[in-house]
């Protein structure tokens, strides 16, 4: 009988983020589980002051609940013209966390409407954390600079509405118009997840 495959948890309730994380992490020699797989609906309140603090808090919370090595992340956007308004509060900002993707992005673009081209710079940030099998905690960070387009330039990606109006530096396409391979190479989340992958494969 072959030994049971080791398991690892990706702790996010945002399916869009889970899908993007899996686009890199599926390569791990683990059975990768989601919160839904385990029937976990426990809510972790993000109260950290940085992306990394929130990611680590989530990883600790769900690792304790499941006794599994756990990967978590927190991400958001920093917009030059809206200093200190989004960041770790990105999804809670503006139309609010309860708004649909369409409602949230419509409000965001309305606020950005009068911002001139020179001031539409932005930076996506992903802070990631893993609590591994030994309880060791490790942090990772990915950043991507770019700009906010005047209007949506691609179809909305569920759970990640900003991907349709964020154009990374050096690209002529917004995030959600890129292929998976292109995006995972240059996106904030892709950069962080490749770091996680490299770390986990050294277990």
C-alpha atoms as a PDB file:
ATOM      1  CA  UNK A   1       0.000   0.000   0.000  1.00  0.00           C
ATOM      2  CA  UNK A   2       1.427   3.403  -0.979  1.00  0.00           C
ATOM      3  CA  UNK A   3       1.766   6.007   1.782  1.00  0.00           C
ATOM      4  CA  UNK A   4      -1.024   8.560   2.032  1.00  0.00           C
ATOM      5  CA  UNK A   5      -0.224  11.800   0.228  1.00  0.00           C
ATOM      6  CA  UNK A   6       0.524  14.704   2.524  1.00  0.00           C
ATOM      7  CA  UNK A   7      -2.057  17.490   2.662  1.00  0.00           C
ATOM      8  CA  UNK A   8      -1.716  21.264   2.727  1.00  0.00           C
ATOM      9  CA  UNK A   9      -4.427  23.890   3.127  1.00  0.00           C
ATOM     10  CA  UNK A  10      -4.931  27.083   1.119  1.00  0.00           C
ATOM     11  CA  UNK A  11      -6.896  29.233   3.551  1.00  0.00           C
ATOM     12  CA  UNK A  12      -8.996  31.686   1.571  1.00  0.00           C
ATOM     13  CA  UNK A  13     -12.733  32.065   1.146  1.00  0.00           C
ATOM     14  CA  UNK A  14     -12.262  34.077  -2.070  1.00  0.00           C
ATOM     15  CA  UNK A  15     -12.599  31.593  -4.919  1.00  0.00           C
ATOM     16  CA  UNK A  16     -10.899  33.943  -7.393  1.00  0.00           C
ATOM     17  CA  UNK A  17      -7.826  34.094  -5.166  1.00  0.00           C
ATOM     18  CA  UNK A  18      -7.898  30.336  -4.595  1.00  0.00           C
ATOM     19  CA  UNK A  19      -7.923  29.706  -8.349  1.00  0.00           C
ATOM     20  CA  UNK A  20      -4.974  32.057  -8.907  1.00  0.00           C
ATOM     21  CA  UNK A  21      -2.991  30.537  -6.052  1.00  0.00           C
ATOM     22  CA  UNK A  22      -3.645  27.060  -7.432  1.00  0.00           C
ATOM     23  CA  UNK A  23      -2.348  28.100 -10.860  1.00  0.00           C
ATOM     24  CA  UNK A  24       1.102  28.031  -9.242  1.00  0.00           C
ATOM     25  CA  UNK A  25       0.715  25.729  -6.248  1.00  0.00           C
ATOM     26  CA  UNK A  26      -0.892  22.744  -8.012  1.00  0.00           C
ATOM     27  CA  UNK A  27       2.674  21.653  -8.752  1.00  0.00           C
ATOM     28  CA  UNK A  28       3.351  20.905  -5.085  1.00  0.00           C
ATOM     29  CA  UNK A  29       3.674  17.210  -4.131  1.00  0.00           C
ATOM     30  CA  UNK A  30       0.706  17.594  -1.766  1.00  0.00           C
ATOM     31  CA  UNK A  31      -3.026  17.083  -1.799  1.00  0.00           C
ATOM     32  CA  UNK A  32      -4.139  20.716  -1.737  1.00  0.00           C
ATOM     33  CA  UNK A  33      -7.295  21.414   0.226  1.00  0.00           C
ATOM     34  CA  UNK A  34      -9.592  24.418   0.413  1.00  0.00           C
ATOM     35  CA  UNK A  35     -11.733  25.597   3.324  1.00  0.00           C
ATOM     36  CA  UNK A  36     -14.762  24.323   1.424  1.00  0.00           C
ATOM     37  CA  UNK A  37     -13.187  20.873   1.061  1.00  0.00           C
ATOM     38  CA  UNK A  38     -12.984  20.696   4.840  1.00  0.00           C
ATOM     39  CA  UNK A  39     -16.406  22.252   5.460  1.00  0.00           C
ATOM     40  CA  UNK A  40     -14.817  25.124   7.375  1.00  0.00           C
ATOM     41  CA  UNK A  41     -16.816  28.328   7.586  1.00  0.00           C
ATOM     42  CA  UNK A  42     -14.990  29.884  10.512  1.00  0.00           C
ATOM     43  CA  UNK A  43     -14.351  33.562   9.814  1.00  0.00           C
ATOM     44  CA  UNK A  44     -11.012  35.186  10.542  1.00  0.00           C
ATOM     45  CA  UNK A  45     -11.212  38.920  11.175  1.00  0.00           C
ATOM     46  CA  UNK A  46      -8.341  40.737   9.501  1.00  0.00           C
ATOM     47  CA  UNK A  47      -7.063  43.252  12.019  1.00  0.00           C
ATOM     48  CA  UNK A  48      -3.377  43.480  11.129  1.00  0.00           C
ATOM     49  CA  UNK A  49      -1.661  46.661  10.025  1.00  0.00           C
ATOM     50  CA  UNK A  50       0.110  45.064   7.054  1.00  0.00           C
ATOM     51  CA  UNK A  51      -0.688  42.505   4.378  1.00  0.00           C
ATOM     52  CA  UNK A  52       1.803  40.112   5.973  1.00  0.00           C
ATOM     53  CA  UNK A  53       0.240  40.441   9.428  1.00  0.00           C
ATOM     54  CA  UNK A  54      -3.187  39.600   8.024  1.00  0.00           C
ATOM     55  CA  UNK A  55      -1.832  36.675   6.021  1.00  0.00           C
ATOM     56  CA  UNK A  56       0.006  35.253   9.033  1.00  0.00           C
ATOM     57  CA  UNK A  57      -3.028  35.692  11.262  1.00  0.00           C
ATOM     58  CA  UNK A  58      -5.142  33.697   8.818  1.00  0.00           C
ATOM     59  CA  UNK A  59      -2.509  30.999   8.413  1.00  0.00           C
ATOM     60  CA  UNK A  60      -2.187  30.601  12.196  1.00  0.00           C
ATOM     61  CA  UNK A  61      -5.969  30.529  12.688  1.00  0.00           C
ATOM     62  CA  UNK A  62      -6.664  27.825  10.129  1.00  0.00           C
ATOM     63  CA  UNK A  63      -3.555  25.781  10.909  1.00  0.00           C
ATOM     64  CA  UNK A  64      -4.738  25.588  14.512  1.00  0.00           C
ATOM     65  CA  UNK A  65      -8.241  24.555  13.398  1.00  0.00           C
ATOM     66  CA  UNK A  66      -7.075  21.837  11.019  1.00  0.00           C
ATOM     67  CA  UNK A  67      -3.639  20.717  12.234  1.00  0.00           C
ATOM     68  CA  UNK A  68      -2.508  21.063   8.621  1.00  0.00           C
ATOM     69  CA  UNK A  69       0.318  23.106   7.116  1.00  0.00           C
ATOM     70  CA  UNK A  70      -1.504  26.220   5.938  1.00  0.00           C
ATOM     71  CA  UNK A  71      -0.912  28.869   3.292  1.00  0.00           C
ATOM     72  CA  UNK A  72      -2.748  32.196   3.434  1.00  0.00           C
ATOM     73  CA  UNK A  73      -2.449  35.556   1.771  1.00  0.00           C
ATOM     74  CA  UNK A  74      -3.742  39.103   1.989  1.00  0.00           C
ATOM     75  CA  UNK A  75      -3.591  41.437  -0.944  1.00  0.00           C
ATOM     76  CA  UNK A  76      -4.764  44.789  -2.155  1.00  0.00           C
ATOM     77  CA  UNK A  77      -3.915  47.843  -4.179  1.00  0.00           C
ATOM     78  CA  UNK A  78      -2.190  51.091  -3.300  1.00  0.00           C
ATOM     79  CA  UNK A  79      -3.292  53.915  -5.606  1.00  0.00           C
ATOM     80  CA  UNK A  80      -1.143  57.042  -5.821  1.00  0.00           C
ATOM     81  CA  UNK A  81      -4.144  59.392  -6.062  1.00  0.00           C
ATOM     82  CA  UNK A  82      -5.979  57.743  -3.159  1.00  0.00           C
ATOM     83  CA  UNK A  83      -3.175  57.635  -0.642  1.00  0.00           C
ATOM     84  CA  UNK A  84      -3.924  55.543   2.458  1.00  0.00           C
ATOM     85  CA  UNK A  85      -7.495  54.849   1.322  1.00  0.00           C
ATOM     86  CA  UNK A  86      -7.194  51.290   0.004  1.00  0.00           C
ATOM     87  CA  UNK A  87      -4.191  49.084   0.798  1.00  0.00           C
ATOM     88  CA  UNK A  88      -5.149  46.463   3.397  1.00  0.00           C
ATOM     89  CA  UNK A  89      -8.700  47.870   3.317  1.00  0.00           C
ATOM     90  CA  UNK A  90      -9.087  47.425  -0.463  1.00  0.00           C
ATOM     91  CA  UNK A  91     -12.155  45.199  -0.570  1.00  0.00           C
ATOM     92  CA  UNK A  92     -13.766  46.957   2.412  1.00  0.00           C
ATOM     93  CA  UNK A  93     -13.213  50.388   0.836  1.00  0.00           C
ATOM     94  CA  UNK A  94     -15.800  52.359  -1.126  1.00  0.00           C
ATOM     95  CA  UNK A  95     -18.895  50.311  -1.938  1.00  0.00           C
ATOM     96  CA  UNK A  96     -17.854  47.874   0.773  1.00  0.00           C
ATOM     97  CA  UNK A  97     -17.152  44.206   1.259  1.00  0.00           C
ATOM     98  CA  UNK A  98     -20.802  43.293   0.787  1.00  0.00           C
ATOM     99  CA  UNK A  99     -20.978  44.883  -2.659  1.00  0.00           C
ATOM    100  CA  UNK A 100     -20.905  42.762  -5.794  1.00  0.00           C
ATOM    101  CA  UNK A 101     -17.814  42.916  -7.991  1.00  0.00           C
ATOM    102  CA  UNK A 102     -19.775  45.066 -10.437  1.00  0.00           C
ATOM    103  CA  UNK A 103     -20.904  47.506  -7.730  1.00  0.00           C
ATOM    104  CA  UNK A 104     -17.460  47.746  -6.170  1.00  0.00           C
ATOM    105  CA  UNK A 105     -15.600  48.435  -9.406  1.00  0.00           C
ATOM    106  CA  UNK A 106     -18.237  50.885 -10.659  1.00  0.00           C
ATOM    107  CA  UNK A 107     -17.745  52.967  -7.517  1.00  0.00           C
ATOM    108  CA  UNK A 108     -13.968  52.757  -7.796  1.00  0.00           C
ATOM    109  CA  UNK A 109     -13.927  53.898 -11.430  1.00  0.00           C
ATOM    110  CA  UNK A 110     -16.318  56.738 -10.600  1.00  0.00           C
ATOM    111  CA  UNK A 111     -13.935  57.987  -7.900  1.00  0.00           C
ATOM    112  CA  UNK A 112     -11.010  57.675 -10.331  1.00  0.00           C
ATOM    113  CA  UNK A 113     -12.820  59.304 -13.248  1.00  0.00           C
ATOM    114  CA  UNK A 114     -11.328  62.800 -12.879  1.00  0.00           C
ATOM    115  CA  UNK A 115      -7.822  61.646 -11.945  1.00  0.00           C
ATOM    116  CA  UNK A 116      -5.330  62.675 -14.683  1.00  0.00           C
ATOM    117  CA  UNK A 117      -3.164  60.086 -16.444  1.00  0.00           C
ATOM    118  CA  UNK A 118       0.009  61.140 -14.623  1.00  0.00           C
ATOM    119  CA  UNK A 119      -1.583  60.397 -11.234  1.00  0.00           C
ATOM    120  CA  UNK A 120      -3.130  57.016 -12.024  1.00  0.00           C
ATOM    121  CA  UNK A 121      -0.128  55.005 -10.874  1.00  0.00           C
ATOM    122  CA  UNK A 122      -0.806  52.071  -8.566  1.00  0.00           C
ATOM    123  CA  UNK A 123       0.850  49.094  -6.929  1.00  0.00           C
ATOM    124  CA  UNK A 124      -0.671  45.694  -6.218  1.00  0.00           C
ATOM    125  CA  UNK A 125       0.733  43.965  -3.125  1.00  0.00           C
ATOM    126  CA  UNK A 126       0.389  40.387  -1.914  1.00  0.00           C
ATOM    127  CA  UNK A 127       1.590  39.363   1.512  1.00  0.00           C
ATOM    128  CA  UNK A 128       1.625  35.592   1.991  1.00  0.00           C
ATOM    129  CA  UNK A 129       2.368  33.344   4.918  1.00  0.00           C
ATOM    130  CA  UNK A 130       2.783  29.671   5.652  1.00  0.00           C
ATOM    131  CA  UNK A 131       2.618  27.813   8.920  1.00  0.00           C
ATOM    132  CA  UNK A 132       4.399  24.589   8.041  1.00  0.00           C
ATOM    133  CA  UNK A 133       4.280  21.084   9.492  1.00  0.00           C
ATOM    134  CA  UNK A 134       6.674  21.964  12.292  1.00  0.00           C
ATOM    135  CA  UNK A 135       4.766  25.133  13.223  1.00  0.00           C
ATOM    136  CA  UNK A 136       7.429  27.355  11.681  1.00  0.00           C
ATOM    137  CA  UNK A 137       6.066  30.612  10.276  1.00  0.00           C
ATOM    138  CA  UNK A 138       7.446  32.184   7.094  1.00  0.00           C
ATOM    139  CA  UNK A 139       6.392  35.327   5.226  1.00  0.00           C
ATOM    140  CA  UNK A 140       6.550  36.240   1.542  1.00  0.00           C
ATOM    141  CA  UNK A 141       5.750  39.366  -0.470  1.00  0.00           C
ATOM    142  CA  UNK A 142       5.023  40.118  -4.112  1.00  0.00           C
ATOM    143  CA  UNK A 143       4.543  43.569  -5.653  1.00  0.00           C
ATOM    144  CA  UNK A 144       3.616  44.739  -9.140  1.00  0.00           C
ATOM    145  CA  UNK A 145       3.579  48.353 -10.300  1.00  0.00           C
ATOM    146  CA  UNK A 146       1.253  49.655 -12.965  1.00  0.00           C
ATOM    147  CA  UNK A 147      -1.605  52.072 -13.578  1.00  0.00           C
ATOM    148  CA  UNK A 148      -5.379  52.273 -13.455  1.00  0.00           C
ATOM    149  CA  UNK A 149      -7.107  52.430 -16.824  1.00  0.00           C
ATOM    150  CA  UNK A 150      -9.982  54.851 -17.487  1.00  0.00           C
ATOM    151  CA  UNK A 151     -12.440  52.012 -18.007  1.00  0.00           C
ATOM    152  CA  UNK A 152     -12.645  48.252 -17.760  1.00  0.00           C
ATOM    153  CA  UNK A 153     -10.525  46.696 -20.504  1.00  0.00           C
ATOM    154  CA  UNK A 154     -11.471  43.048 -19.980  1.00  0.00           C
ATOM    155  CA  UNK A 155     -14.187  40.875 -18.524  1.00  0.00           C
ATOM    156  CA  UNK A 156     -14.477  40.950 -14.746  1.00  0.00           C
ATOM    157  CA  UNK A 157     -12.759  38.033 -13.051  1.00  0.00           C
ATOM    158  CA  UNK A 158     -14.925  36.777 -10.154  1.00  0.00           C
ATOM    159  CA  UNK A 159     -13.618  38.031  -6.822  1.00  0.00           C
ATOM    160  CA  UNK A 160     -10.897  40.142  -8.447  1.00  0.00           C
ATOM    161  CA  UNK A 161     -12.620  43.102 -10.135  1.00  0.00           C
ATOM    162  CA  UNK A 162      -9.542  45.346 -10.175  1.00  0.00           C
ATOM    163  CA  UNK A 163      -7.858  42.905 -12.563  1.00  0.00           C
ATOM    164  CA  UNK A 164      -9.957  44.398 -15.375  1.00  0.00           C
ATOM    165  CA  UNK A 165      -8.573  47.929 -14.959  1.00  0.00           C
ATOM    166  CA  UNK A 166      -5.011  47.444 -13.682  1.00  0.00           C
ATOM    167  CA  UNK A 167      -2.337  47.505 -16.373  1.00  0.00           C
ATOM    168  CA  UNK A 168       1.082  46.339 -15.111  1.00  0.00           C
ATOM    169  CA  UNK A 169       4.202  48.201 -16.173  1.00  0.00           C
ATOM    170  CA  UNK A 170       5.594  46.948 -19.470  1.00  0.00           C
ATOM    171  CA  UNK A 171       2.307  45.371 -20.553  1.00  0.00           C
ATOM    172  CA  UNK A 172      -0.278  46.606 -23.029  1.00  0.00           C
ATOM    173  CA  UNK A 173      -2.973  44.487 -21.373  1.00  0.00           C
ATOM    174  CA  UNK A 174      -4.732  44.604 -18.015  1.00  0.00           C
ATOM    175  CA  UNK A 175      -4.282  41.706 -15.607  1.00  0.00           C
ATOM    176  CA  UNK A 176      -7.416  39.799 -16.583  1.00  0.00           C
ATOM    177  CA  UNK A 177      -6.617  40.027 -20.311  1.00  0.00           C
ATOM    178  CA  UNK A 178      -3.292  38.236 -19.795  1.00  0.00           C
ATOM    179  CA  UNK A 179      -2.901  34.498 -20.173  1.00  0.00           C
ATOM    180  CA  UNK A 180      -2.498  32.510 -16.943  1.00  0.00           C
ATOM    181  CA  UNK A 181       1.198  31.995 -17.661  1.00  0.00           C
ATOM    182  CA  UNK A 182       1.767  35.696 -18.386  1.00  0.00           C
ATOM    183  CA  UNK A 183      -0.087  36.841 -15.290  1.00  0.00           C
ATOM    184  CA  UNK A 184       1.501  34.356 -12.918  1.00  0.00           C
ATOM    185  CA  UNK A 185       4.942  35.539 -14.003  1.00  0.00           C
ATOM    186  CA  UNK A 186       4.348  39.248 -13.344  1.00  0.00           C
ATOM    187  CA  UNK A 187       1.426  39.551 -10.922  1.00  0.00           C
ATOM    188  CA  UNK A 188       1.817  40.324  -7.228  1.00  0.00           C
ATOM    189  CA  UNK A 189       0.065  37.101  -6.265  1.00  0.00           C
ATOM    190  CA  UNK A 190       2.005  35.038  -8.774  1.00  0.00           C
ATOM    191  CA  UNK A 191       5.311  36.386  -7.449  1.00  0.00           C
ATOM    192  CA  UNK A 192       4.342  35.587  -3.864  1.00  0.00           C
ATOM    193  CA  UNK A 193       3.049  32.112  -4.739  1.00  0.00           C
ATOM    194  CA  UNK A 194       6.239  31.180  -6.597  1.00  0.00           C
ATOM    195  CA  UNK A 195       8.146  32.089  -3.432  1.00  0.00           C
ATOM    196  CA  UNK A 196       5.782  29.877  -1.430  1.00  0.00           C
ATOM    197  CA  UNK A 197       6.261  27.063  -3.936  1.00  0.00           C
ATOM    198  CA  UNK A 198      10.058  27.295  -3.733  1.00  0.00           C
ATOM    199  CA  UNK A 199       9.883  27.249   0.057  1.00  0.00           C
ATOM    200  CA  UNK A 200       7.486  24.311   0.351  1.00  0.00           C
ATOM    201  CA  UNK A 201       9.497  22.160  -2.041  1.00  0.00           C
ATOM    202  CA  UNK A 202      12.412  22.456   0.413  1.00  0.00           C
ATOM    203  CA  UNK A 203      10.388  20.898   3.289  1.00  0.00           C
END
